[in-house]
C-alpha cells in the first residue's frame, strides 16, 4: 500500500555475508548465536542498532575468470593477506595449504569498512592489490579489481547482466577444434566399430542395424 519494498528471509544459520552486517553494526553475530543457543536472551533491542559506514565483501576464489570461472586446484606456497584499518580477512586457506577438488575453492572472504561506498570501493581495491596468493593456481583477484574499477559498479548501477554485458575481455571465446583432433576422434570411432565387429565374429555387419553398435539401444524404448 505504501509502495515500499521489503525482503524477509528466515534461516537457522548465519548468512554467508554476515561479516558485512557485523562490520556496519559492530555486533559479533557468531558470539550472539552461541549465547542464544545457550539459552541467553539478546542483550539489546532492534532499536538499539544503527548502521555505520559502508562495507563491501569480496570472495577470493581459486578459479580462472577467463575460463568461465573454472575452479583451480593446487598448493598455496605463500599467502600474503592485506592488513590495515577497516580491513578484515576471514581465510580458510593459508600458506602451505592446498586447494583440492574435494571442497569449494574459496580461499577467503575479504571485507572492508569505509565511511561511504566510494571510500569502501577505494579501500577494497587497495586491499586486493596487497593480497598475494603464490602457487601454481589462478585466483579471481585481478577480475575483482577490474569490477571495482568499472564506472557502472562504482556508481552502484549493476544488474544481474553486469558481467555478461561489460566483461567480454574476460570471457574466452570457444576455440575451434584443430583438424588433427577431428581426425583422431573419427579414427577412434572407426577402431571401436572394428573391434566390436571382430569380437562378435561379424566381418560385414549391417551398419543400420541396432545390433551393430553397443550404444545402450533397447527394444521397446523410445
Protein backbone atom coordinates (compact mmCIF):
# COMPACT_ATOMS: atom_id res chain seq x y z
CA UNK A 1 0.00 0.00 0.00
CA UNK A 2 2.82 2.40 0.80
CA UNK A 3 4.79 1.45 -2.31
CA UNK A 4 7.78 0.31 -0.26
CA UNK A 5 9.58 -2.99 -0.81
CA UNK A 6 10.52 -5.42 1.93
CA UNK A 7 12.58 -8.58 1.96
CA UNK A 8 12.25 -11.31 4.55
CA UNK A 9 14.26 -14.49 4.80
CA UNK A 10 14.39 -16.84 7.76
CA UNK A 11 17.39 -19.12 8.28
CA UNK A 12 18.57 -21.01 11.32
CA UNK A 13 22.15 -20.22 10.41
CA UNK A 14 24.35 -17.22 9.82
CA UNK A 15 24.11 -15.63 6.42
CA UNK A 16 27.06 -16.19 4.10
CA UNK A 17 27.75 -12.45 4.04
CA UNK A 18 27.31 -12.00 7.79
CA UNK A 19 30.68 -10.17 8.04
CA UNK A 20 29.03 -7.23 6.26
CA UNK A 21 26.36 -7.00 8.95
CA UNK A 22 28.99 -7.32 11.68
CA UNK A 23 31.09 -4.51 10.23
CA UNK A 24 28.30 -1.97 9.76
CA UNK A 25 26.64 -2.70 13.13
CA UNK A 26 29.65 -3.56 15.29
CA UNK A 27 27.87 -6.70 16.51
CA UNK A 28 29.55 -10.11 16.76
CA UNK A 29 26.86 -12.37 15.29
CA UNK A 30 28.76 -15.60 15.94
CA UNK A 31 29.12 -14.78 19.62
CA UNK A 32 25.45 -13.87 19.86
CA UNK A 33 24.41 -17.10 18.14
CA UNK A 34 26.33 -19.15 20.69
CA UNK A 35 24.83 -17.19 23.58
CA UNK A 36 21.30 -17.66 22.24
CA UNK A 37 21.98 -21.39 21.75
CA UNK A 38 22.99 -21.50 25.42
CA UNK A 39 19.58 -20.10 26.39
CA UNK A 40 20.53 -16.46 26.90
CA UNK A 41 18.48 -13.54 25.64
CA UNK A 42 19.77 -10.94 23.22
CA UNK A 43 21.36 -8.10 25.22
CA UNK A 44 19.78 -5.38 23.06
CA UNK A 45 16.65 -4.49 21.11
CA UNK A 46 16.43 -3.90 17.37
CA UNK A 47 16.01 -0.19 18.03
CA UNK A 48 19.41 -0.13 19.74
CA UNK A 49 21.20 -0.97 16.49
CA UNK A 50 22.32 1.57 13.93
CA UNK A 51 24.36 1.32 10.75
CA UNK A 52 27.75 2.94 10.41
CA UNK A 53 29.60 3.47 7.17
CA UNK A 54 29.59 1.13 4.19
CA UNK A 55 31.05 -2.37 3.90
CA UNK A 56 32.00 -4.46 0.86
CA UNK A 57 32.92 -8.14 0.74
CA UNK A 58 34.89 -9.91 -1.97
CA UNK A 59 35.22 -13.66 -2.10
CA UNK A 60 38.74 -14.69 -3.01
CA UNK A 61 38.49 -17.85 -5.11
CA UNK A 62 40.98 -20.21 -6.71
CA UNK A 63 39.40 -20.02 -10.14
CA UNK A 64 40.02 -18.80 -13.68
CA UNK A 65 37.63 -15.96 -14.60
CA UNK A 66 38.84 -16.07 -18.22
CA UNK A 67 37.76 -19.70 -18.50
CA UNK A 68 34.16 -19.46 -17.31
CA UNK A 69 35.37 -19.26 -13.68
CA UNK A 70 36.67 -22.82 -13.78
CA UNK A 71 37.89 -23.85 -10.30
CA UNK A 72 41.64 -24.17 -9.88
CA UNK A 73 43.47 -26.63 -7.66
CA UNK A 74 46.98 -26.82 -6.31
CA UNK A 75 49.19 -25.84 -3.37
CA UNK A 76 49.30 -22.35 -1.89
CA UNK A 77 53.01 -21.79 -1.48
CA UNK A 78 52.57 -18.40 0.16
CA UNK A 79 49.53 -16.34 1.13
CA UNK A 80 50.08 -12.67 1.95
CA UNK A 81 46.97 -11.03 3.38
CA UNK A 82 46.31 -7.27 3.45
CA UNK A 83 46.44 -5.58 6.84
CA UNK A 84 45.06 -2.16 7.68
CA UNK A 85 42.30 -0.17 9.40
CA UNK A 86 38.88 -1.38 8.33
CA UNK A 87 40.29 -4.43 6.54
CA UNK A 88 39.17 -7.91 7.58
CA UNK A 89 40.22 -11.28 6.18
CA UNK A 90 38.28 -14.44 7.07
CA UNK A 91 40.57 -17.02 5.49
CA UNK A 92 40.14 -20.75 5.11
CA UNK A 93 43.38 -21.25 3.21
CA UNK A 94 46.81 -20.06 4.36
CA UNK A 95 50.43 -20.62 3.38
CA UNK A 96 51.24 -24.29 2.94
CA UNK A 97 47.64 -25.39 2.44
CA UNK A 98 46.29 -26.93 -0.75
CA UNK A 99 43.14 -26.21 -2.72
CA UNK A 100 41.71 -29.58 -3.71
CA UNK A 101 38.82 -30.71 -5.90
CA UNK A 102 37.03 -32.15 -2.86
CA UNK A 103 35.92 -28.79 -1.43
CA UNK A 104 34.77 -25.36 -2.54
CA UNK A 105 37.75 -23.41 -3.97
CA UNK A 106 37.06 -20.31 -1.89
CA UNK A 107 40.25 -19.09 -0.24
CA UNK A 108 38.93 -16.25 1.90
CA UNK A 109 36.34 -13.55 2.44
CA UNK A 110 37.89 -10.10 2.21
CA UNK A 111 35.83 -7.38 3.89
CA UNK A 112 36.44 -3.66 4.16
CA UNK A 113 34.61 -0.93 6.05
CA UNK A 114 34.64 2.64 4.74
CA UNK A 115 32.98 5.91 5.57
CA UNK A 116 30.76 5.59 2.49
CA UNK A 117 30.51 3.45 -0.65
CA UNK A 118 33.19 5.36 -2.54
CA UNK A 119 35.60 5.05 0.37
CA UNK A 120 34.82 1.32 0.69
CA UNK A 121 35.48 0.77 -3.03
CA UNK A 122 38.86 2.52 -2.79
CA UNK A 123 39.78 0.59 0.33
CA UNK A 124 38.78 -2.75 -1.24
CA UNK A 125 40.90 -2.05 -4.31
CA UNK A 126 43.85 -1.26 -2.06
CA UNK A 127 43.28 -4.46 -0.07
CA UNK A 128 43.09 -6.59 -3.22
CA UNK A 129 46.30 -5.02 -4.53
CA UNK A 130 48.03 -6.14 -1.33
CA UNK A 131 46.61 -9.68 -1.36
CA UNK A 132 49.01 -12.20 -2.88
CA UNK A 133 48.44 -15.90 -3.45
CA UNK A 134 51.61 -17.57 -4.70
CA UNK A 135 51.43 -21.02 -6.26
CA UNK A 136 50.54 -22.90 -9.44
CA UNK A 137 46.89 -21.80 -9.38
CA UNK A 138 44.92 -18.81 -10.59
CA UNK A 139 42.70 -16.57 -8.48
CA UNK A 140 39.94 -14.10 -9.23
CA UNK A 141 41.77 -11.14 -7.66
CA UNK A 142 42.59 -9.39 -10.98
CA UNK A 143 38.97 -9.83 -12.09
CA UNK A 144 37.65 -8.36 -8.84
CA UNK A 145 39.87 -5.30 -9.26
CA UNK A 146 38.52 -4.79 -12.77
CA UNK A 147 34.97 -4.96 -11.40
CA UNK A 148 35.77 -2.37 -8.74
CA UNK A 149 37.21 -0.01 -11.36
CA UNK A 150 34.21 -0.19 -13.68
CA UNK A 151 32.17 3.05 -13.63
CA UNK A 152 28.85 1.19 -13.53
CA UNK A 153 29.91 -0.67 -10.38
CA UNK A 154 31.34 2.49 -8.84
CA UNK A 155 28.01 4.20 -9.47
CA UNK A 156 26.08 1.34 -7.87
CA UNK A 157 24.12 0.57 -11.04
CA UNK A 158 24.96 -3.10 -11.51
CA UNK A 159 22.42 -5.71 -12.61
CA UNK A 160 22.45 -9.49 -12.96
CA UNK A 161 23.70 -8.96 -16.53
CA UNK A 162 26.65 -6.83 -15.43
CA UNK A 163 29.41 -9.38 -16.14
CA UNK A 164 27.93 -10.63 -19.41
CA UNK A 165 27.49 -7.11 -20.75
CA UNK A 166 30.67 -5.41 -19.61
CA UNK A 167 33.37 -8.04 -19.18
CA UNK A 168 33.70 -9.61 -22.60
CA UNK A 169 37.54 -9.45 -22.43
CA UNK A 170 37.38 -11.91 -19.53
CA UNK A 171 35.19 -14.33 -21.48
CA UNK A 172 37.42 -16.51 -23.61
CA UNK A 173 35.78 -17.35 -26.97
CA UNK A 174 35.49 -21.07 -27.75
CA UNK A 175 38.46 -22.26 -29.76
CA UNK A 176 37.80 -24.21 -32.97
CA UNK A 177 38.94 -27.81 -32.85
CA UNK A 178 42.07 -28.44 -34.93
CA UNK A 179 41.66 -30.84 -37.86
CA UNK A 180 44.01 -33.32 -36.19
CA UNK A 181 41.62 -33.59 -33.23
CA UNK A 182 38.64 -34.28 -35.50
CA UNK A 183 40.64 -36.88 -37.44
CA UNK A 184 41.70 -38.57 -34.20
CA UNK A 185 38.09 -38.71 -33.00
CA UNK A 186 36.96 -40.27 -36.29
CA UNK A 187 39.74 -42.88 -36.13
CA UNK A 188 38.81 -43.77 -32.54
CA UNK A 189 35.18 -44.30 -33.54
CA UNK A 190 36.24 -46.42 -36.53
CA UNK A 191 38.54 -48.51 -34.36
CA UNK A 192 35.73 -49.02 -31.85
CA UNK A 193 33.41 -50.30 -34.58
CA UNK A 194 36.07 -52.66 -35.99
CA UNK A 195 36.84 -54.05 -32.53
CA UNK A 196 33.15 -54.62 -31.88
CA UNK A 197 32.68 -56.43 -35.18
CA UNK A 198 35.72 -58.63 -34.57
CA UNK A 199 34.61 -59.53 -31.07
CA UNK A 200 31.20 -60.60 -32.39
CA UNK A 201 32.58 -62.54 -35.36
CA UNK A 202 30.81 -60.36 -37.91
CA UNK A 203 33.15 -59.08 -40.61
CA UNK A 204 30.42 -57.48 -42.73
CA UNK A 205 27.63 -56.15 -40.49
CA UNK A 206 24.64 -54.09 -41.45
CA UNK A 207 25.63 -50.65 -40.15
CA UNK A 208 21.98 -49.61 -39.99
CA UNK A 209 21.19 -52.44 -37.57
CA UNK A 210 20.85 -51.52 -33.88
CA UNK A 211 22.88 -54.66 -33.12
CA UNK A 212 25.93 -53.16 -34.85
CA UNK A 213 26.61 -50.71 -32.03
CA UNK A 214 26.92 -51.08 -28.28
CA UNK A 215 25.32 -47.72 -27.56
CA UNK A 216 22.71 -48.74 -25.00
CA UNK A 217 19.91 -49.35 -27.54
CA UNK A 218 16.92 -51.18 -26.04
CA UNK A 219 13.92 -52.68 -27.81
CA UNK A 220 10.57 -51.16 -26.89
CA UNK A 221 12.14 -47.94 -25.58
CA UNK A 222 11.50 -44.59 -27.19
